[in-house]
C-alpha atoms as a PDB file:
ATOM      1  CA  MET A   1      16.581  -3.824 -14.355  1.00  0.00           C
ATOM      2  CA  LYS A   2      13.355  -2.217 -12.254  1.00  0.00           C
ATOM      3  CA  LYS A   3      11.342  -3.526 -15.329  1.00  0.00           C
ATOM      4  CA  SER A   4      12.880  -6.603 -15.152  1.00  0.00           C
ATOM      5  CA  LEU A   5      11.599  -7.294 -11.778  1.00  0.00           C
ATOM      6  CA  MET A   6       8.295  -5.191 -12.035  1.00  0.00           C
ATOM      7  CA  ASN A   7       7.281  -8.312 -14.929  1.00  0.00           C
ATOM      8  CA  ARG A   8       8.409 -11.012 -12.440  1.00  0.00           C
ATOM      9  CA  LEU A   9       6.583 -10.043 -10.374  1.00  0.00           C
ATOM     10  CA  LEU A  10       3.631  -9.192 -12.170  1.00  0.00           C
ATOM     11  CA  LEU A  11       3.908 -12.894 -13.970  1.00  0.00           C
ATOM     12  CA  SER A  12       3.963 -14.276 -10.115  1.00  0.00           C
ATOM     13  CA  VAL A  13       1.157 -12.564  -9.077  1.00  0.00           C
ATOM     14  CA  LEU A  14      -1.304 -13.224 -12.018  1.00  0.00           C
ATOM     15  CA  PHE A  15       0.038 -16.747 -11.615  1.00  0.00           C
ATOM     16  CA  VAL A  16      -0.778 -17.071  -8.033  1.00  0.00           C
ATOM     17  CA  VAL A  17      -4.374 -15.675  -8.649  1.00  0.00           C
ATOM     18  CA  CYS A  18      -4.702 -18.204 -12.013  1.00  0.00           C
ATOM     19  CA  THR A  19      -4.041 -21.233  -9.564  1.00  0.00           C
ATOM     20  CA  PHE A  20      -5.588 -20.095  -7.515  1.00  0.00           C
ATOM     21  CA  ALA A  21      -8.942 -20.515  -9.918  1.00  0.00           C
ATOM     22  CA  GLN A  22      -7.945 -23.374 -11.040  1.00  0.00           C
ATOM     23  CA  VAL A  23      -8.119 -24.526  -8.005  1.00  0.00           C
ATOM     24  CA  VAL A  24     -11.316 -23.269  -7.245  1.00  0.00           C
ATOM     25  CA  ALA A  25     -13.093 -24.817 -10.466  1.00  0.00           C
ATOM     26  CA  GLY A  26     -11.353 -27.777 -10.235  1.00  0.00           C
ATOM     27  CA  GLY A  27     -12.296 -29.045  -6.259  1.00  0.00           C
ATOM     28  CA  GLY A  28      -8.430 -29.057  -6.663  1.00  0.00           C
ATOM     29  CA  LYS A  29      -6.144 -28.570  -3.191  1.00  0.00           C
ATOM     30  CA  GLN A  30      -3.578 -26.317  -3.520  1.00  0.00           C
ATOM     31  CA  ALA A  31       0.334 -26.572  -1.457  1.00  0.00           C
ATOM     32  CA  THR A  32       2.885 -24.111  -1.520  1.00  0.00           C
ATOM     33  CA  PHE A  33       6.670 -25.842  -0.134  1.00  0.00           C
ATOM     34  CA  LYS A  34      10.077 -24.866  -0.555  1.00  0.00           C
ATOM     35  CA  VAL A  35      12.560 -26.837  -2.715  1.00  0.00           C
ATOM     36  CA  SER A  36      16.129 -26.511  -3.028  1.00  0.00           C
ATOM     37  CA  GLY A  37      17.061 -25.825  -6.721  1.00  0.00           C
ATOM     38  CA  ASN A  38      19.415 -23.146  -8.371  1.00  0.00           C
ATOM     39  CA  CYS A  39      18.754 -22.829 -12.602  1.00  0.00           C
ATOM     40  CA  GLY A  40      16.113 -23.439 -15.430  1.00  0.00           C
ATOM     41  CA  MET A  41      16.930 -26.799 -15.906  1.00  0.00           C
ATOM     42  CA  CYS A  42      15.752 -27.062 -11.672  1.00  0.00           C
ATOM     43  CA  GLU A  43      12.855 -25.748 -12.762  1.00  0.00           C
ATOM     44  CA  ARG A  44      11.684 -28.468 -15.172  1.00  0.00           C
ATOM     45  CA  LYS A  45      13.082 -31.597 -14.129  1.00  0.00           C
ATOM     46  CA  ILE A  46      11.371 -29.848 -10.380  1.00  0.00           C
ATOM     47  CA  GLU A  47       7.841 -29.734 -12.093  1.00  0.00           C
ATOM     48  CA  GLY A  48       8.689 -32.381 -14.294  1.00  0.00           C
ATOM     49  CA  ALA A  49       8.617 -34.775 -11.210  1.00  0.00           C
ATOM     50  CA  ALA A  50       5.965 -33.150  -9.730  1.00  0.00           C
ATOM     51  CA  THR A  51       3.510 -33.388 -13.180  1.00  0.00           C
ATOM     52  CA  SER A  52       4.753 -36.796 -14.008  1.00  0.00           C
ATOM     53  CA  LEU A  53       2.157 -38.152 -10.907  1.00  0.00           C
ATOM     54  CA  LYS A  54      -1.523 -38.626 -11.600  1.00  0.00           C
ATOM     55  CA  GLY A  55      -3.805 -36.599  -9.753  1.00  0.00           C
ATOM     56  CA  VAL A  56      -1.073 -33.518  -9.598  1.00  0.00           C
ATOM     57  CA  LYS A  57      -2.972 -30.597 -12.336  1.00  0.00           C
ATOM     58  CA  SER A  58      -0.005 -28.128 -12.657  1.00  0.00           C
ATOM     59  CA  ALA A  59       3.825 -27.396 -10.734  1.00  0.00           C
ATOM     60  CA  ALA A  60       5.286 -23.907 -10.600  1.00  0.00           C
ATOM     61  CA  TRP A  61       9.008 -22.980  -9.131  1.00  0.00           C
ATOM     62  CA  SER A  62      10.422 -20.304  -8.892  1.00  0.00           C
ATOM     63  CA  GLN A  63      14.131 -19.662  -9.271  1.00  0.00           C
ATOM     64  CA  GLU A  64      13.936 -16.538  -6.804  1.00  0.00           C
ATOM     65  CA  THR A  65      11.892 -17.780  -4.011  1.00  0.00           C
ATOM     66  CA  LYS A  66      12.620 -21.807  -4.475  1.00  0.00           C
ATOM     67  CA  ALA A  67       8.773 -22.008  -3.702  1.00  0.00           C
ATOM     68  CA  LEU A  68       6.518 -24.523  -5.478  1.00  0.00           C
ATOM     69  CA  VAL A  69       3.497 -24.595  -5.591  1.00  0.00           C
ATOM     70  CA  VAL A  70       0.959 -27.544  -7.054  1.00  0.00           C
ATOM     71  CA  VAL A  71      -2.223 -28.052  -7.699  1.00  0.00           C
ATOM     72  CA  TYR A  72      -3.224 -31.853  -7.374  1.00  0.00           C
ATOM     73  CA  ASN A  73      -6.175 -33.353  -6.771  1.00  0.00           C
ATOM     74  CA  GLU A  74      -5.651 -35.420  -2.758  1.00  0.00           C
ATOM     75  CA  LYS A  75      -7.998 -38.673  -3.762  1.00  0.00           C
ATOM     76  CA  LEU A  76      -5.140 -39.807  -6.384  1.00  0.00           C
ATOM     77  CA  VAL A  77      -2.240 -38.662  -4.736  1.00  0.00           C
ATOM     78  CA  LYS A  78      -0.783 -37.075  -1.544  1.00  0.00           C
ATOM     79  CA  LEU A  79       1.840 -34.247  -0.927  1.00  0.00           C
ATOM     80  CA  ASP A  80       4.115 -36.666   0.392  1.00  0.00           C
ATOM     81  CA  ASP A  81       4.644 -38.871  -2.060  1.00  0.00           C
ATOM     82  CA  ILE A  82       4.763 -35.135  -4.185  1.00  0.00           C
ATOM     83  CA  LYS A  83       7.757 -34.063  -2.299  1.00  0.00           C
ATOM     84  CA  ALA A  84       8.954 -37.471  -2.348  1.00  0.00           C
ATOM     85  CA  LYS A  85       8.914 -37.631  -6.080  1.00  0.00           C
ATOM     86  CA  ILE A  86      10.933 -34.336  -6.418  1.00  0.00           C
ATOM     87  CA  ALA A  87      13.620 -36.113  -3.716  1.00  0.00           C
ATOM     88  CA  ALA A  88      13.939 -38.943  -6.165  1.00  0.00           C
ATOM     89  CA  ALA A  89      14.785 -36.771  -8.789  1.00  0.00           C
ATOM     90  CA  GLY A  90      17.530 -35.028  -6.954  1.00  0.00           C
ATOM     91  CA  TYR A  91      16.544 -31.810  -4.780  1.00  0.00           C
ATOM     92  CA  ASP A  92      15.883 -31.889  -1.424  1.00  0.00           C
ATOM     93  CA  ALA A  93      11.677 -30.876  -0.873  1.00  0.00           C
ATOM     94  CA  GLU A  94      10.431 -29.143   2.249  1.00  0.00           C
ATOM     95  CA  GLY A  95      10.270 -32.225   4.506  1.00  0.00           C
ATOM     96  CA  LYS A  96      12.463 -34.483   2.650  1.00  0.00           C
ATOM     97  CA  VAL A  97      16.294 -34.906   1.366  1.00  0.00           C
ATOM     98  CA  ALA A  98      17.147 -36.117  -1.780  1.00  0.00           C
ATOM     99  CA  SER A  99      19.575 -39.194  -1.207  1.00  0.00           C
ATOM    100  CA  GLN A 100      23.247 -38.578  -1.980  1.00  0.00           C
ATOM    101  CA  GLU A 101      23.494 -40.568  -4.841  1.00  0.00           C
ATOM    102  CA  ALA A 102      20.439 -38.806  -6.393  1.00  0.00           C
ATOM    103  CA  TYR A 103      22.134 -35.129  -5.705  1.00  0.00           C
ATOM    104  CA  ASP A 104      25.802 -36.333  -6.869  1.00  0.00           C
ATOM    105  CA  GLY A 105      23.595 -37.860 -10.377  1.00  0.00           C
ATOM    106  CA  LEU A 106      22.827 -33.503 -11.301  1.00  0.00           C
ATOM    107  CA  PRO A 107      24.187 -31.574 -13.122  1.00  0.00           C
ATOM    108  CA  GLY A 108      26.749 -29.176 -12.193  1.00  0.00           C
ATOM    109  CA  CYS A 109      24.635 -26.455 -12.179  1.00  0.00           C
ATOM    110  CA  CYS A 110      21.727 -28.344 -10.611  1.00  0.00           C
ATOM    111  CA  LYS A 111      24.013 -28.775  -7.888  1.00  0.00           C
ATOM    112  CA  TYR A 112      22.370 -26.232  -4.793  1.00  0.00           C
ATOM    113  CA  ASP A 113      24.308 -26.023  -1.519  1.00  0.00           C
ATOM    114  CA  ARG A 114      22.806 -28.727   1.223  1.00  0.00           C
END
C-alpha cells in the first residue's frame, strides 16, 4: 500500500515538472482547478472535454485530489471556456456548475455528491 502511494506521488510530481517544462517551452499557460468526479471514466471524460477545445495542449485530472491541471494557449481559448466545456459534460468545475440535465446523463459510477 505504501509503495503504491509513493508511486502515485512520484508520478504526480513528475507530471507537474513535465507540465511546467511544456508550459515554458511552448509559451502556454498552466492552470489548476477543482473538478468533481469519482472514477477512471470521469477522468477520461473530464480530460477529453478539456482537450477537445482548440488551444488546450494538455489536461490531467487526479482522482485523488480532484484537481485538473490544464496547459492552454490563452490566445485561442479562455480558462472560463474550458470550465464551461467540462460543466457541459456533466462535471462541476470550480466556478461552473453542470446543469442538472448534464449531471443526470452521467453513468451511475460518475455521479459525485453535489
